[in-house]
Protein backbone atom coordinates (compact mmCIF):
# COMPACT_ATOMS: atom_id res chain seq x y z
CA UNK A 1 18.41 -5.05 27.61
CA UNK A 2 19.90 -3.40 30.57
CA UNK A 3 18.08 -3.33 33.88
CA UNK A 4 18.44 0.32 34.11
CA UNK A 5 16.73 0.75 30.68
CA UNK A 6 13.87 -1.59 31.71
CA UNK A 7 13.30 0.43 34.87
CA UNK A 8 13.28 3.58 33.02
CA UNK A 9 10.61 2.38 30.41
CA UNK A 10 8.57 1.01 33.32
CA UNK A 11 8.72 4.45 35.09
CA UNK A 12 7.88 6.28 32.07
CA UNK A 13 4.81 4.05 31.31
CA UNK A 14 3.51 4.48 34.92
CA UNK A 15 3.73 8.22 34.62
CA UNK A 16 1.72 8.14 31.41
CA UNK A 17 -0.86 5.75 32.67
CA UNK A 18 -3.52 8.35 33.65
CA UNK A 19 -3.31 10.30 30.43
CA UNK A 20 -3.45 7.10 28.34
CA UNK A 21 -6.58 5.96 30.02
CA UNK A 22 -8.22 9.33 29.51
CA UNK A 23 -7.54 9.26 25.75
CA UNK A 24 -10.07 6.42 25.55
CA UNK A 25 -12.78 9.00 26.25
CA UNK A 26 -11.92 11.07 23.07
CA UNK A 27 -14.30 10.38 20.07
CA UNK A 28 -12.16 9.41 16.97
CA UNK A 29 -12.87 10.16 13.40
CA UNK A 30 -12.94 6.92 11.46
CA UNK A 31 -12.23 8.79 8.24
CA UNK A 32 -8.97 10.38 9.57
CA UNK A 33 -6.08 8.01 9.09
CA UNK A 34 -2.64 8.67 10.43
CA UNK A 35 0.43 7.11 8.97
CA UNK A 36 3.89 6.58 10.43
CA UNK A 37 6.99 4.38 9.77
CA UNK A 38 10.46 3.49 11.20
CA UNK A 39 9.65 4.74 14.77
CA UNK A 40 8.61 8.10 13.40
CA UNK A 41 12.09 8.66 11.74
CA UNK A 42 11.51 8.07 8.08
CA UNK A 43 8.95 8.51 5.26
CA UNK A 44 9.13 5.06 3.64
CA UNK A 45 7.81 1.57 3.04
CA UNK A 46 4.41 0.27 2.72
CA UNK A 47 2.98 2.98 4.81
CA UNK A 48 4.34 5.61 2.39
CA UNK A 49 2.70 3.99 -0.66
CA UNK A 50 -0.66 3.45 0.89
CA UNK A 51 -0.44 7.20 2.24
CA UNK A 52 0.25 8.47 -1.12
CA UNK A 53 -2.37 6.44 -2.73
CA UNK A 54 -5.15 7.70 -0.42
CA UNK A 55 -3.86 11.17 -0.49
CA UNK A 56 -4.46 11.10 -4.32
CA UNK A 57 -7.68 8.89 -4.42
CA UNK A 58 -9.30 8.96 -0.93
CA UNK A 59 -10.22 5.29 -1.11
CA UNK A 60 -13.69 6.13 -2.41
CA UNK A 61 -15.01 7.32 1.13
CA UNK A 62 -13.36 10.77 1.50
CA UNK A 63 -10.81 9.40 3.70
CA UNK A 64 -8.37 11.98 5.07
CA UNK A 65 -4.74 11.26 5.59
CA UNK A 66 -1.86 12.81 7.58
CA UNK A 67 1.70 11.66 8.03
CA UNK A 68 3.10 11.57 11.58
CA UNK A 69 6.75 11.92 12.23
CA UNK A 70 9.46 12.93 14.63
CA UNK A 71 11.92 14.00 11.96
CA UNK A 72 12.34 17.64 11.12
CA UNK A 73 13.62 16.55 7.74
CA UNK A 74 10.35 14.57 6.96
CA UNK A 75 8.16 17.21 8.19
CA UNK A 76 9.67 19.89 6.09
CA UNK A 77 9.94 17.60 2.97
CA UNK A 78 6.32 16.77 3.22
CA UNK A 79 5.24 20.25 3.89
CA UNK A 80 7.11 21.38 0.71
CA UNK A 81 5.14 18.76 -1.39
CA UNK A 82 1.96 19.98 0.13
CA UNK A 83 1.23 16.79 1.89
CA UNK A 84 -0.71 16.83 5.34
CA UNK A 85 2.09 16.14 8.05
CA UNK A 86 2.40 16.57 11.69
CA UNK A 87 5.13 16.41 14.22
CA UNK A 88 3.98 13.75 16.64
CA UNK A 89 5.96 15.30 19.60
CA UNK A 90 4.02 18.55 19.35
CA UNK A 91 0.73 19.44 20.86
CA UNK A 92 -0.96 19.67 17.40
CA UNK A 93 0.57 16.28 16.63
CA UNK A 94 -0.71 14.72 19.76
CA UNK A 95 -4.34 16.23 19.18
CA UNK A 96 -4.45 15.26 15.71
CA UNK A 97 -3.35 11.58 16.35
CA UNK A 98 -5.82 11.60 19.34
CA UNK A 99 -8.66 12.26 16.90
CA UNK A 100 -7.49 9.70 14.21
CA UNK A 101 -9.67 6.58 13.85
CA UNK A 102 -6.93 4.69 12.17
CA UNK A 103 -3.27 4.71 12.85
CA UNK A 104 -1.00 2.79 10.20
CA UNK A 105 2.44 1.26 11.12
CA UNK A 106 5.24 -0.61 9.60
CA UNK A 107 7.43 -1.04 12.68
CA UNK A 108 6.35 -0.71 16.37
CA UNK A 109 4.51 1.46 18.67
CA UNK A 110 6.73 4.49 18.31
CA UNK A 111 5.86 4.86 14.58
CA UNK A 112 3.30 7.17 16.30
CA UNK A 113 2.76 9.11 19.58
CA UNK A 114 1.94 5.92 21.41
CA UNK A 115 -0.25 7.63 24.11
CA UNK A 116 -2.27 9.51 21.51
CA UNK A 117 -2.73 6.47 19.30
CA UNK A 118 -3.86 4.22 22.24
CA UNK A 119 -7.63 4.04 21.28
CA UNK A 120 -7.27 4.17 17.53
CA UNK A 121 -7.76 1.22 15.12
CA UNK A 122 -4.14 -0.14 14.64
CA UNK A 123 -3.12 -1.30 11.12
CA UNK A 124 0.14 -2.97 11.00
CA UNK A 125 1.72 -3.39 7.40
CA UNK A 126 5.04 -4.55 8.62
CA UNK A 127 8.14 -4.10 6.32
CA UNK A 128 9.12 -7.29 4.74
CA UNK A 129 8.85 -11.00 4.33
CA UNK A 130 11.72 -12.34 6.62
CA UNK A 131 14.44 -14.66 5.46
CA UNK A 132 16.21 -14.65 8.79
CA UNK A 133 14.48 -15.27 12.08
CA UNK A 134 13.16 -12.42 14.25
CA UNK A 135 15.59 -11.83 17.03
CA UNK A 136 13.06 -11.54 19.77
CA UNK A 137 11.52 -14.92 18.84
CA UNK A 138 14.42 -17.23 18.13
CA UNK A 139 17.63 -15.26 17.57
CA UNK A 140 20.12 -13.99 20.11
CA UNK A 141 20.33 -10.55 21.44
CA UNK A 142 23.95 -11.46 22.41
CA UNK A 143 25.88 -14.62 21.62
CA UNK A 144 26.04 -17.70 23.78
CA UNK A 145 24.17 -18.77 26.97
CA UNK A 146 24.05 -15.30 28.47
CA UNK A 147 22.51 -14.02 25.13
CA UNK A 148 19.66 -16.56 25.35
CA UNK A 149 19.06 -15.65 29.02
CA UNK A 150 18.94 -11.85 28.08
CA UNK A 151 16.50 -12.62 25.30
CA UNK A 152 14.24 -14.67 27.52
CA UNK A 153 14.21 -11.98 30.16
CA UNK A 154 13.68 -9.42 27.39
CA UNK A 155 10.53 -11.39 26.09
CA UNK A 156 9.21 -11.87 29.49
CA UNK A 157 9.47 -8.01 30.21
CA UNK A 158 7.67 -7.41 26.99
CA UNK A 159 4.75 -9.70 28.14
CA UNK A 160 4.49 -7.94 31.35
CA UNK A 161 4.51 -4.52 29.56
CA UNK A 162 1.70 -5.75 27.19
CA UNK A 163 -0.65 -6.47 30.03
CA UNK A 164 0.07 -3.60 32.24
CA UNK A 165 0.81 -0.91 29.68
CA UNK A 166 -1.13 -1.77 26.40
CA UNK A 167 -0.37 1.63 24.73
CA UNK A 168 3.52 0.59 24.92
CA UNK A 169 3.18 -2.63 23.04
CA UNK A 170 -0.18 -2.51 21.38
CA UNK A 171 -2.45 -5.19 20.07
CA UNK A 172 -2.73 -4.81 16.35
CA UNK A 173 -6.46 -4.76 15.14
CA UNK A 174 -5.25 -5.81 11.53
CA UNK A 175 -1.87 -7.40 10.74
CA UNK A 176 -1.35 -7.51 6.89
CA UNK A 177 0.69 -10.34 5.39
CA UNK A 178 1.93 -10.33 1.87
CA UNK A 179 1.51 -14.12 1.47
CA UNK A 180 0.75 -17.41 3.34
CA UNK A 181 4.51 -17.81 3.62
CA UNK A 182 4.51 -14.32 5.36
CA UNK A 183 1.70 -15.23 7.54
CA UNK A 184 3.71 -18.34 8.78
CA UNK A 185 6.83 -16.29 9.41
CA UNK A 186 5.88 -12.99 10.55
CA UNK A 187 2.71 -14.40 12.28
CA UNK A 188 5.13 -16.41 14.52
CA UNK A 189 6.69 -13.29 15.64
CA UNK A 190 3.48 -11.48 16.27
CA UNK A 191 1.77 -14.37 17.97
CA UNK A 192 -0.77 -13.21 20.53
CA UNK A 193 -0.42 -9.59 19.52
CA UNK A 194 -2.98 -9.17 16.72
CA UNK A 195 -6.69 -9.52 16.61
CA UNK A 196 -7.04 -10.28 12.92
CA UNK A 197 -4.58 -11.29 10.05
CA UNK A 198 -5.08 -10.50 6.43
CA UNK A 199 -3.25 -12.07 3.39
CA UNK A 200 -3.47 -9.09 1.11
CA UNK A 201 -0.60 -9.26 -1.24
CA UNK A 202 2.32 -6.70 -1.31
CA UNK A 203 1.79 -3.00 -1.45
CA UNK A 204 5.42 -2.51 -2.28
CA UNK A 205 5.69 -5.05 -5.00
CA UNK A 206 2.65 -3.38 -6.70
CA UNK A 207 4.44 -0.07 -6.55
CA UNK A 208 7.72 -1.54 -7.86
CA UNK A 209 6.19 -3.36 -10.70
CA UNK A 210 4.78 -0.03 -12.03
CA UNK A 211 8.32 1.27 -12.29
CA UNK A 212 10.46 -1.80 -13.13
CA UNK A 213 11.14 -3.17 -16.52
CA UNK A 214 12.11 -6.89 -16.19
CA UNK A 215 13.98 -6.77 -19.55
CA UNK A 216 17.70 -6.11 -19.25
CA UNK A 217 18.57 -4.00 -22.42
CA UNK A 218 21.03 -5.99 -24.60
CA UNK A 219 24.45 -4.52 -24.74
CA UNK A 220 25.47 -3.59 -28.20
CA UNK A 221 29.04 -3.13 -29.53
CA UNK A 222 30.18 0.33 -28.64
CA UNK A 223 27.57 0.91 -25.92
CA UNK A 224 29.11 2.83 -23.37
CA UNK A 225 26.25 3.17 -20.92
CA UNK A 226 27.31 2.09 -17.48
CA UNK A 227 25.32 -0.92 -15.89
CA UNK A 228 24.19 -0.09 -12.29
CA UNK A 229 24.71 -2.54 -9.42
CA UNK A 230 23.07 -2.11 -6.05
CA UNK A 231 24.96 -3.43 -3.02
CA UNK A 232 22.45 -3.68 -0.09
CA UNK A 233 23.70 -6.07 2.68
CA UNK A 234 21.90 -6.52 5.99
CA UNK A 235 23.42 -6.08 9.45
CA UNK A 236 25.66 -8.21 11.43
CA UNK A 237 24.50 -9.03 15.03
CA UNK A 238 22.23 -5.93 15.00
CA UNK A 239 25.29 -3.74 14.00
CA UNK A 240 27.49 -5.04 17.07
CA UNK A 241 29.92 -6.80 14.54
CA UNK A 242 31.85 -5.52 11.61
CA UNK A 243 30.12 -6.12 7.99
CA UNK A 244 33.38 -5.47 6.44
CA UNK A 245 35.32 -7.95 8.62
CA UNK A 246 32.74 -10.51 7.73
CA UNK A 247 32.78 -9.59 4.03
CA UNK A 248 36.30 -8.16 3.34
CA UNK A 249 36.74 -5.83 0.57
CA UNK A 250 39.81 -6.51 -1.72
CA UNK A 251 42.89 -4.56 -1.11
CA UNK A 252 44.21 -1.98 -3.55
CA UNK A 253 42.20 -1.12 -6.64
CA UNK A 254 40.95 -4.61 -7.50
CA UNK A 255 37.31 -3.63 -6.95
CA UNK A 256 37.30 -0.44 -8.97
CA UNK A 257 39.27 -2.23 -11.71
CA UNK A 258 36.77 -5.10 -11.98
CA UNK A 259 33.76 -2.65 -11.98
CA UNK A 260 35.43 -0.70 -14.81
CA UNK A 261 36.16 -3.84 -16.72
CA UNK A 262 32.51 -5.00 -16.71
CA UNK A 263 31.30 -1.43 -17.40
CA UNK A 264 29.37 -0.87 -14.14
CA UNK A 265 28.97 1.43 -11.21
CA UNK A 266 27.90 0.47 -7.82
CA UNK A 267 25.59 1.93 -5.12
CA UNK A 268 26.34 0.84 -1.66
CA UNK A 269 23.34 0.99 0.83
CA UNK A 270 24.18 -0.27 4.30
CA UNK A 271 21.56 -1.32 6.93
CA UNK A 272 20.76 1.49 9.46
CA UNK A 273 22.18 -0.64 12.22
CA UNK A 274 25.52 -0.75 10.30
CA UNK A 275 25.85 2.88 9.36
CA UNK A 276 28.06 3.74 12.34
CA UNK A 277 30.77 1.52 11.10
CA UNK A 278 33.89 2.79 9.46
CA UNK A 279 33.56 2.25 5.62
CA UNK A 280 36.76 1.47 3.58
CA UNK A 281 37.62 4.27 1.33
CA UNK A 282 37.49 2.06 -1.77
CA UNK A 283 33.61 1.72 -1.19
CA UNK A 284 32.89 5.40 -1.49
CA UNK A 285 34.96 6.87 -4.31
CA UNK A 286 35.41 6.19 -8.13
CA UNK A 287 32.69 4.00 -9.52
CA UNK A 288 31.38 3.22 -6.04
CA UNK A 289 29.03 5.52 -4.28
CA UNK A 290 28.05 5.09 -0.58
CA UNK A 291 24.47 6.16 -0.23
CA UNK A 292 23.18 7.37 3.21
CA UNK A 293 19.79 6.37 4.45
CA UNK A 294 18.32 9.69 4.72
CA UNK A 295 14.91 10.22 6.37
CA UNK A 296 12.98 10.80 3.04
CA UNK A 297 14.96 8.29 0.95
CA UNK A 298 13.09 5.15 0.62
CA UNK A 299 15.45 2.39 -1.01
CA UNK A 300 12.42 0.97 -2.74
CA UNK A 301 11.51 4.00 -4.67
CA UNK A 302 14.55 3.76 -6.72
CA UNK A 303 15.09 0.09 -7.15
CA UNK A 304 13.97 0.40 -11.02
CA UNK A 305 17.27 2.32 -11.69
CA UNK A 306 19.47 -0.80 -11.08
CA UNK A 307 20.31 -3.70 -13.30
CA UNK A 308 21.36 -6.18 -10.66
CA UNK A 309 21.34 -6.68 -6.87
CA UNK A 310 24.21 -7.90 -4.67
CA UNK A 311 22.93 -8.73 -1.01
CA UNK A 312 23.31 -11.42 1.49
CA UNK A 313 20.54 -12.13 4.13
CA UNK A 314 18.51 -9.05 3.53
CA UNK A 315 14.79 -9.66 2.69
CA UNK A 316 15.23 -7.00 -0.11
CA UNK A 317 15.89 -9.95 -2.53
CA UNK A 318 12.37 -11.17 -1.85
CA UNK A 319 10.84 -7.88 -2.79
CA UNK A 320 12.61 -7.97 -6.14
CA UNK A 321 11.70 -11.53 -7.02
CA UNK A 322 8.45 -10.63 -8.86
CA UNK A 323 10.36 -8.06 -10.87
CA UNK A 324 12.68 -10.54 -12.36
CA UNK A 325 15.90 -8.59 -11.24
CA UNK A 326 18.99 -10.78 -11.14
CA UNK A 327 20.36 -11.28 -7.60
CA UNK A 328 23.82 -12.19 -6.53
CA UNK A 329 24.31 -13.35 -2.87
CA UNK A 330 27.70 -12.28 -1.35
CA UNK A 331 27.76 -14.19 1.75
CA UNK A 332 31.21 -15.74 2.74
CA UNK A 333 29.85 -15.96 6.48
CA UNK A 334 26.51 -17.83 5.73
CA UNK A 335 27.55 -21.02 7.80
CA UNK A 336 28.69 -18.76 10.79
CA UNK A 337 25.67 -16.52 10.29
CA UNK A 338 23.26 -19.41 10.53
CA UNK A 339 24.71 -20.73 14.00
CA UNK A 340 25.75 -17.45 15.73
CA UNK A 341 23.51 -14.73 14.64
CA UNK A 342 19.70 -14.67 13.94
CA UNK A 343 19.74 -17.81 11.70
CA UNK A 344 17.05 -18.67 8.99
CA UNK A 345 13.54 -19.85 8.90
CA UNK A 346 14.75 -22.91 6.64
CA UNK A 347 17.49 -25.23 7.95
CA UNK A 348 19.96 -23.94 5.31
CA UNK A 349 20.84 -20.69 3.51
CA UNK A 350 18.64 -21.64 0.47
CA UNK A 351 18.48 -18.69 -2.11
CA UNK A 352 17.57 -18.37 -5.72
CA UNK A 353 21.13 -17.24 -6.99
CA UNK A 354 24.85 -17.90 -6.91
CA UNK A 355 26.41 -17.45 -3.36
CA UNK A 356 29.72 -15.64 -3.80
CA UNK A 357 32.40 -16.01 -1.13
CA UNK A 358 34.54 -13.03 -2.32
CA UNK A 359 34.01 -9.84 -4.08
CA UNK A 360 35.83 -10.94 -7.05
CA UNK A 361 33.66 -13.99 -7.42
CA UNK A 362 30.50 -11.79 -7.10
CA UNK A 363 31.58 -9.51 -9.86
CA UNK A 364 32.42 -12.41 -12.25
CA UNK A 365 28.84 -13.45 -11.78
CA UNK A 366 27.62 -9.89 -12.48
CA UNK A 367 29.74 -9.79 -15.57
CA UNK A 368 28.15 -13.00 -16.76
CA UNK A 369 24.62 -11.61 -16.41
CA UNK A 370 25.19 -8.08 -17.49
CA UNK A 371 27.50 -8.64 -20.46
CA UNK A 372 27.22 -12.27 -21.60
CA UNK A 373 23.54 -12.86 -20.84
CA UNK A 374 24.30 -15.83 -18.55
CA UNK A 375 21.35 -15.99 -16.11
CA UNK A 376 20.97 -19.75 -15.23
CA UNK A 377 19.04 -18.70 -11.98
CA UNK A 378 16.02 -17.16 -13.82
CA UNK A 379 13.85 -20.15 -13.29
CA UNK A 380 14.85 -20.50 -9.60
CA UNK A 381 13.86 -16.92 -9.00
CA UNK A 382 10.62 -17.42 -10.65
CA UNK A 383 9.93 -20.46 -8.48
CA UNK A 384 11.05 -18.50 -5.35
CA UNK A 385 8.58 -15.62 -6.28
CA UNK A 386 5.73 -18.21 -6.36
CA UNK A 387 6.84 -19.48 -3.11
CA UNK A 388 7.12 -16.07 -1.24
CA UNK A 389 4.08 -14.56 -2.95
CA UNK A 390 1.75 -17.59 -3.44
CA UNK A 391 -1.42 -15.63 -2.28
CA UNK A 392 -1.08 -12.09 -3.98
CA UNK A 393 -4.22 -10.02 -4.09
CA UNK A 394 -6.21 -11.90 -6.75
CA UNK A 395 -8.77 -9.51 -8.48
CA UNK A 396 -7.90 -6.81 -6.00
CA UNK A 397 -4.80 -5.10 -5.50
CA UNK A 398 -3.03 -5.17 -2.02
CA UNK A 399 -3.88 -1.74 -1.42
CA UNK A 400 -7.67 -2.36 -2.27
CA UNK A 401 -7.65 -5.40 -0.04
CA UNK A 402 -6.23 -3.48 2.97
CA UNK A 403 -8.48 -0.37 2.54
CA UNK A 404 -11.60 -2.30 1.96
CA UNK A 405 -10.97 -4.56 4.92
CA UNK A 406 -10.47 -1.58 7.33
CA UNK A 407 -13.49 0.12 5.95
CA UNK A 408 -15.56 -2.94 6.45
CA UNK A 409 -14.30 -3.43 10.11
CA UNK A 410 -14.88 0.17 10.90
CA UNK A 411 -18.25 0.42 8.85
CA UNK A 412 -16.92 3.32 6.82
CA UNK A 413 -19.15 4.31 3.93
């Protein structure tokens, strides 16, 4: 983080201090819950699913919900659906958030207007069980010794901010974990920043299971229905390095020819950090479609449309484990990644599926699964699902666990 950026943030926080303190005097409505996600830019993730559930059912206590966003696209989309929505950077948005008793997050403080949300009960759902380590805890903001020094200074500044400006980096009243593994991993990154942790199960997996069929339809002779492949890689060095240099696309028409041979199309969903990178033409034409990450497009809402997932170090593979979806790992740079990027929680890149080093190899695996019924990794995926989701909700669903815990803490009846 550059010194000028740090000084700018500190100056802004000093300027907001009087107003932030005054917000503590405003009474809040415990039955008004404000939801946000992705720094206010997207309508997505666990927060979206919990919002829609409460919008329809009210949680049994007449809970009112509102979605808070900075995005014009999200605002007009939800207005069109008839959902309660506010722009967090308007006066109405500020005043609504100021009255909300609960503010729900999936990322950080900027999911909401951080000043207006200062005195609210803060529910942090986070957005996935991590495979790779959190950059602020153990990864590098930049490579080498200089990178480690920047990371240490960055973390020291965050600690100073938390103490002087608690609205900038809030303490979470409830941090929700999807499992005990999640508690160990995510809890490490949030150490000292949350008041209570709850192993509740996965809101997202609950939603996915309602849509997804684990049975891949058998392909019969003459069946011309195209299989659908999702390629969803994560970023490289927070988007500072080229994905397509790390994972080269075959020259010529090899990729398209292989997809046509196995009877499949492929959607490509890049990580938001990687969207500024130039994408090879072959990855956005013919049987391959490049799908943009729009503000209202949640990748998890359409996973049931795909037959197989190709990924690398993205935690999306963890989300699909309980669904039984076959997963291919295209990761030719896994040795380099473990040393020079964020690295993994385990000592090695241990995954429940084949690790392909080239696109040709990845598509051979896809052909075996989709057309020949060869899936020797089924048991390893089931074992991984038990590992990552060892403490799922029990008798209560994840949503019920979260809602009942907040209502109990705030004494909502």
